[in-house]
Amino acid sequence: MPAPAALSRLALLAAALLPAPVAAAPRPIVVELFTSQSCSSCPPAEALLGELAGEGGDLLPLAFHVTYWNRLNWRDTFSLPEATERQRAYAERLGDTPFTPQLVVDGRRSVVGSRREAVAAAIGQARAEREEGAAVSVSRNGSRLDIRLGAGTGAGRVVLVGFDPRHETAVARGENAGRTVVQANVVRSVRDLGAWTGAAQSLSEPLAAGSQAAVIVQAADGRILGAARL
């Protein structure tokens, strides 16, 4: 039988060989671009959003196509009333007038979506101030989505966003007439799933329109408390 000292060395060796515990990844920073196919200033912002989407990591970039540009002679093929309403809610909270291309970072900061330095600074500030009120996970279960919200602090609304990773659109009229615009993470649906009040919660929801999905938990003042994507 090994001596106590030998047993101690064996125990230390065994512990060293065990895999180290993996820290939970921080929740993604939500980056929302409000845009339109009719806006000639929007393609550079959409290209930047596409770069952010391609980087992956801790960012959740989403492109919300608003409806108010549709009064011209081109209707944005992905415009949603919910996108316009979401931007107006941000305008009230942040003291802005809705404009395109507007980028809202983590529900707190509004910048012009094509200004790279401003976008990078806003993302950096959001990382430094990141809150994790609710741990969120979302997975596909057949024709439904299983959504789990962990217990935490605060309260907010749970929002399900369906989106497509990429679209190319030939624009026939309007400010971008004759251009083919490439757009990333195009939001196709927005659905309010109710309140999160700090308690753990499980939801089963029909699939959202769009090939991908994300869940956002957002406080009444716009702060992002939790987020996850498929």
Protein backbone atom coordinates (compact mmCIF):
# COMPACT_ATOMS: atom_id res chain seq x y z
CA MET A 1 0.00 0.00 0.00
CA PRO A 2 1.50 3.41 -0.95
CA ALA A 3 2.68 5.69 1.84
CA PRO A 4 0.50 8.73 2.75
CA ALA A 5 2.94 11.08 1.00
CA ALA A 6 2.72 9.00 -2.17
CA LEU A 7 -1.08 9.00 -1.96
CA SER A 8 -1.02 12.78 -1.66
CA ARG A 9 1.18 13.09 -4.76
CA LEU A 10 -1.13 10.74 -6.69
CA ALA A 11 -4.16 12.82 -5.67
CA LEU A 12 -2.47 16.02 -6.83
CA LEU A 13 -1.51 14.40 -10.14
CA ALA A 14 -5.07 13.16 -10.69
CA ALA A 15 -6.48 16.61 -9.96
CA ALA A 16 -4.05 18.21 -12.40
CA LEU A 17 -5.17 15.84 -15.16
CA LEU A 18 -8.85 16.66 -14.72
CA PRO A 19 -10.23 19.16 -17.25
CA ALA A 20 -10.44 22.68 -15.84
CA PRO A 21 -13.95 24.01 -15.32
CA VAL A 22 -15.10 26.11 -18.26
CA ALA A 23 -16.41 29.55 -17.36
CA ALA A 24 -19.78 30.42 -18.83
CA ALA A 25 -19.43 32.64 -21.88
CA PRO A 26 -20.64 36.21 -21.30
CA ARG A 27 -23.97 37.04 -22.83
CA PRO A 28 -23.70 38.63 -26.26
CA ILE A 29 -23.72 42.38 -26.79
CA VAL A 30 -26.85 43.18 -28.82
CA VAL A 31 -26.10 45.44 -31.81
CA GLU A 32 -29.24 46.68 -33.61
CA LEU A 33 -29.07 48.45 -36.95
CA PHE A 34 -32.16 50.33 -38.14
CA THR A 35 -31.95 50.50 -41.90
CA SER A 36 -33.80 50.53 -45.21
CA GLN A 37 -33.11 49.43 -48.77
CA SER A 38 -34.27 52.91 -49.88
CA CYS A 39 -31.65 54.76 -47.85
CA SER A 40 -28.50 55.62 -49.82
CA SER A 41 -26.53 56.09 -46.57
CA CYS A 42 -27.35 52.58 -45.33
CA PRO A 43 -25.22 50.19 -47.44
CA PRO A 44 -21.94 51.13 -45.66
CA ALA A 45 -23.61 50.53 -42.28
CA GLU A 46 -24.99 47.22 -43.51
CA ALA A 47 -21.53 46.21 -44.70
CA LEU A 48 -20.12 47.01 -41.25
CA LEU A 49 -22.88 45.01 -39.58
CA GLY A 50 -21.99 42.12 -41.90
CA GLU A 51 -18.37 42.32 -40.73
CA LEU A 52 -19.49 42.23 -37.10
CA ALA A 53 -21.72 39.24 -37.84
CA GLY A 54 -18.83 37.46 -39.52
CA GLU A 55 -16.58 37.96 -36.50
CA GLY A 56 -18.91 35.97 -34.23
CA GLY A 57 -17.66 36.12 -30.67
CA ASP A 58 -19.72 37.99 -28.11
CA LEU A 59 -21.79 40.08 -30.53
CA LEU A 60 -25.41 39.60 -31.63
CA PRO A 61 -25.82 41.91 -34.66
CA LEU A 62 -29.37 42.35 -35.98
CA ALA A 63 -30.68 44.46 -38.89
CA PHE A 64 -34.18 45.90 -38.37
CA HIS A 65 -35.68 47.22 -41.61
CA VAL A 66 -38.03 50.13 -40.92
CA THR A 67 -41.18 51.03 -42.84
CA TYR A 68 -41.11 54.83 -43.09
CA TRP A 69 -38.88 54.81 -46.19
CA ASN A 70 -41.60 52.83 -48.00
CA ARG A 71 -43.50 56.04 -48.74
CA LEU A 72 -41.06 56.62 -51.60
CA ASN A 73 -41.21 54.54 -54.78
CA TRP A 74 -39.46 51.44 -53.38
CA ARG A 75 -40.81 49.13 -50.70
CA ASP A 76 -38.13 47.48 -48.59
CA THR A 77 -38.71 43.76 -49.03
CA PHE A 78 -37.87 43.10 -45.35
CA SER A 79 -39.50 46.12 -43.70
CA LEU A 80 -41.50 45.38 -40.55
CA PRO A 81 -43.85 47.59 -38.51
CA GLU A 82 -42.28 46.02 -35.41
CA ALA A 83 -38.88 47.38 -36.49
CA THR A 84 -40.29 50.89 -36.78
CA GLU A 85 -41.99 50.59 -33.39
CA ARG A 86 -38.80 49.32 -31.78
CA GLN A 87 -36.79 52.24 -33.13
CA ARG A 88 -39.42 54.74 -31.95
CA ALA A 89 -39.25 53.24 -28.46
CA TYR A 90 -35.48 53.74 -28.48
CA ALA A 91 -35.94 57.34 -29.65
CA GLU A 92 -38.14 58.05 -26.63
CA ARG A 93 -35.67 56.45 -24.22
CA LEU A 94 -32.50 57.92 -25.71
CA GLY A 95 -33.81 61.33 -26.74
CA ASP A 96 -33.16 60.74 -30.44
CA THR A 97 -35.19 61.30 -33.57
CA PRO A 98 -35.43 58.07 -35.59
CA PHE A 99 -32.95 58.03 -38.47
CA THR A 100 -31.18 55.59 -40.74
CA PRO A 101 -28.65 54.10 -40.45
CA GLN A 102 -29.00 54.15 -36.67
CA LEU A 103 -27.10 51.62 -34.58
CA VAL A 104 -28.24 51.00 -31.00
CA VAL A 105 -25.71 49.11 -28.89
CA ASP A 106 -27.02 47.03 -25.98
CA GLY A 107 -30.10 49.24 -25.71
CA ARG A 108 -28.09 52.13 -24.24
CA ARG A 109 -26.16 53.99 -26.92
CA SER A 110 -27.15 55.34 -30.33
CA VAL A 111 -24.55 56.01 -33.04
CA VAL A 112 -24.51 56.45 -36.80
CA GLY A 113 -24.16 52.90 -38.06
CA SER A 114 -21.53 53.66 -40.70
CA ARG A 115 -19.10 55.43 -38.34
CA ARG A 116 -16.63 52.70 -37.50
CA GLU A 117 -14.83 54.43 -34.65
CA ALA A 118 -18.08 55.41 -32.95
CA VAL A 119 -19.45 51.89 -33.35
CA ALA A 120 -16.27 50.34 -31.94
CA ALA A 121 -16.29 52.75 -28.99
CA ALA A 122 -19.94 52.01 -28.20
CA ILE A 123 -19.31 48.26 -28.30
CA GLY A 124 -16.27 48.65 -26.05
CA GLN A 125 -18.31 50.64 -23.52
CA ALA A 126 -21.07 48.04 -23.65
CA ARG A 127 -18.58 45.26 -22.89
CA ALA A 128 -17.29 47.21 -19.90
CA GLU A 129 -20.83 47.74 -18.56
CA ARG A 130 -22.30 44.37 -19.53
CA GLU A 131 -25.12 43.18 -17.27
CA GLU A 132 -26.25 39.57 -16.95
CA GLY A 133 -29.56 39.71 -15.15
CA ALA A 134 -30.88 36.52 -16.75
CA ALA A 135 -28.95 33.60 -18.22
CA VAL A 136 -30.71 32.71 -21.49
CA SER A 137 -30.54 29.64 -23.69
CA VAL A 138 -32.52 28.73 -26.80
CA SER A 139 -32.56 25.45 -28.70
CA ARG A 140 -34.65 23.88 -31.44
CA ASN A 141 -36.98 21.01 -30.58
CA GLY A 142 -38.65 19.86 -33.78
CA SER A 143 -41.03 22.60 -34.91
CA ARG A 144 -40.65 24.55 -31.67
CA LEU A 145 -38.06 26.46 -29.70
CA ASP A 146 -37.16 25.61 -26.11
CA ILE A 147 -36.22 28.76 -24.22
CA ARG A 148 -34.79 28.75 -20.71
CA LEU A 149 -34.36 31.83 -18.55
CA GLY A 150 -32.33 31.59 -15.37
CA ALA A 151 -33.16 33.26 -12.09
CA GLY A 152 -31.55 36.64 -11.62
CA THR A 153 -32.01 40.26 -10.70
CA GLY A 154 -34.23 42.81 -12.39
CA ALA A 155 -37.25 42.47 -14.66
CA GLY A 156 -37.95 42.89 -18.35
CA ARG A 157 -39.74 41.72 -21.46
CA VAL A 158 -38.74 38.57 -23.33
CA VAL A 159 -38.48 39.12 -27.08
CA LEU A 160 -38.05 36.42 -29.74
CA VAL A 161 -36.37 37.63 -32.93
CA GLY A 162 -36.25 35.57 -36.13
CA PHE A 163 -33.63 36.50 -38.72
CA ASP A 164 -31.84 35.35 -41.86
CA PRO A 165 -28.02 35.46 -41.96
CA ARG A 166 -27.74 36.97 -45.45
CA HIS A 167 -29.75 38.42 -48.31
CA GLU A 168 -28.91 40.04 -51.62
CA THR A 169 -31.53 42.34 -53.11
CA ALA A 170 -31.56 44.09 -56.47
CA VAL A 171 -33.13 47.49 -55.79
CA ALA A 172 -35.06 48.80 -58.81
CA ARG A 173 -36.13 52.24 -57.57
CA GLY A 174 -35.45 54.83 -54.89
CA GLU A 175 -32.11 56.21 -53.71
CA ASN A 176 -30.37 52.86 -54.29
CA ALA A 177 -31.89 52.22 -57.72
CA GLY A 178 -29.72 49.90 -59.81
CA ARG A 179 -27.71 48.64 -56.83
CA THR A 180 -27.64 45.12 -55.43
CA VAL A 181 -27.45 45.47 -51.68
CA VAL A 182 -26.03 42.75 -49.45
CA GLN A 183 -27.55 42.63 -45.98
CA ALA A 184 -26.66 40.53 -42.95
CA ASN A 185 -28.76 39.15 -40.08
CA VAL A 186 -31.97 40.53 -41.54
CA VAL A 187 -34.77 40.46 -38.97
CA ARG A 188 -37.87 38.69 -40.30
CA SER A 189 -40.05 38.62 -37.19
CA VAL A 190 -40.29 40.09 -33.69
CA ARG A 191 -42.48 38.45 -31.04
CA ASP A 192 -43.05 39.56 -27.44
CA LEU A 193 -43.15 36.47 -25.20
CA GLY A 194 -44.18 38.20 -21.99
CA ALA A 195 -42.49 39.30 -18.80
CA TRP A 196 -39.47 37.98 -16.96
CA THR A 197 -39.65 38.95 -13.29
CA GLY A 198 -36.43 37.44 -11.98
CA ALA A 199 -37.58 33.84 -11.52
CA ALA A 200 -36.32 30.91 -13.58
CA GLN A 201 -38.64 30.24 -16.49
CA SER A 202 -39.03 27.76 -19.35
CA LEU A 203 -40.94 28.49 -22.56
CA SER A 204 -41.87 26.46 -25.60
CA GLU A 205 -42.60 28.59 -28.65
CA PRO A 206 -43.35 28.00 -32.34
CA LEU A 207 -40.42 28.64 -34.63
CA ALA A 208 -39.93 32.28 -35.56
CA ALA A 209 -40.02 33.43 -39.18
CA GLY A 210 -36.40 33.37 -40.32
CA SER A 211 -33.80 30.61 -40.44
CA GLN A 212 -32.16 31.72 -37.18
CA ALA A 213 -33.53 32.92 -33.86
CA ALA A 214 -32.41 34.95 -30.88
CA VAL A 215 -33.99 35.73 -27.52
CA ILE A 216 -33.49 39.07 -25.78
CA VAL A 217 -34.50 40.02 -22.24
CA GLN A 218 -34.82 43.80 -22.06
CA ALA A 219 -35.56 46.11 -19.13
CA ALA A 220 -38.14 48.88 -19.40
CA ASP A 221 -35.36 51.47 -19.78
CA GLY A 222 -33.87 49.58 -22.73
CA ARG A 223 -30.97 47.85 -20.96
CA ILE A 224 -30.25 44.31 -22.16
CA LEU A 225 -30.45 41.88 -19.24
CA GLY A 226 -29.96 38.66 -21.17
CA ALA A 227 -29.57 37.39 -24.73
CA ALA A 228 -28.83 34.22 -26.64
CA ARG A 229 -29.12 32.85 -30.16
CA LEU A 230 -29.68 29.40 -31.61
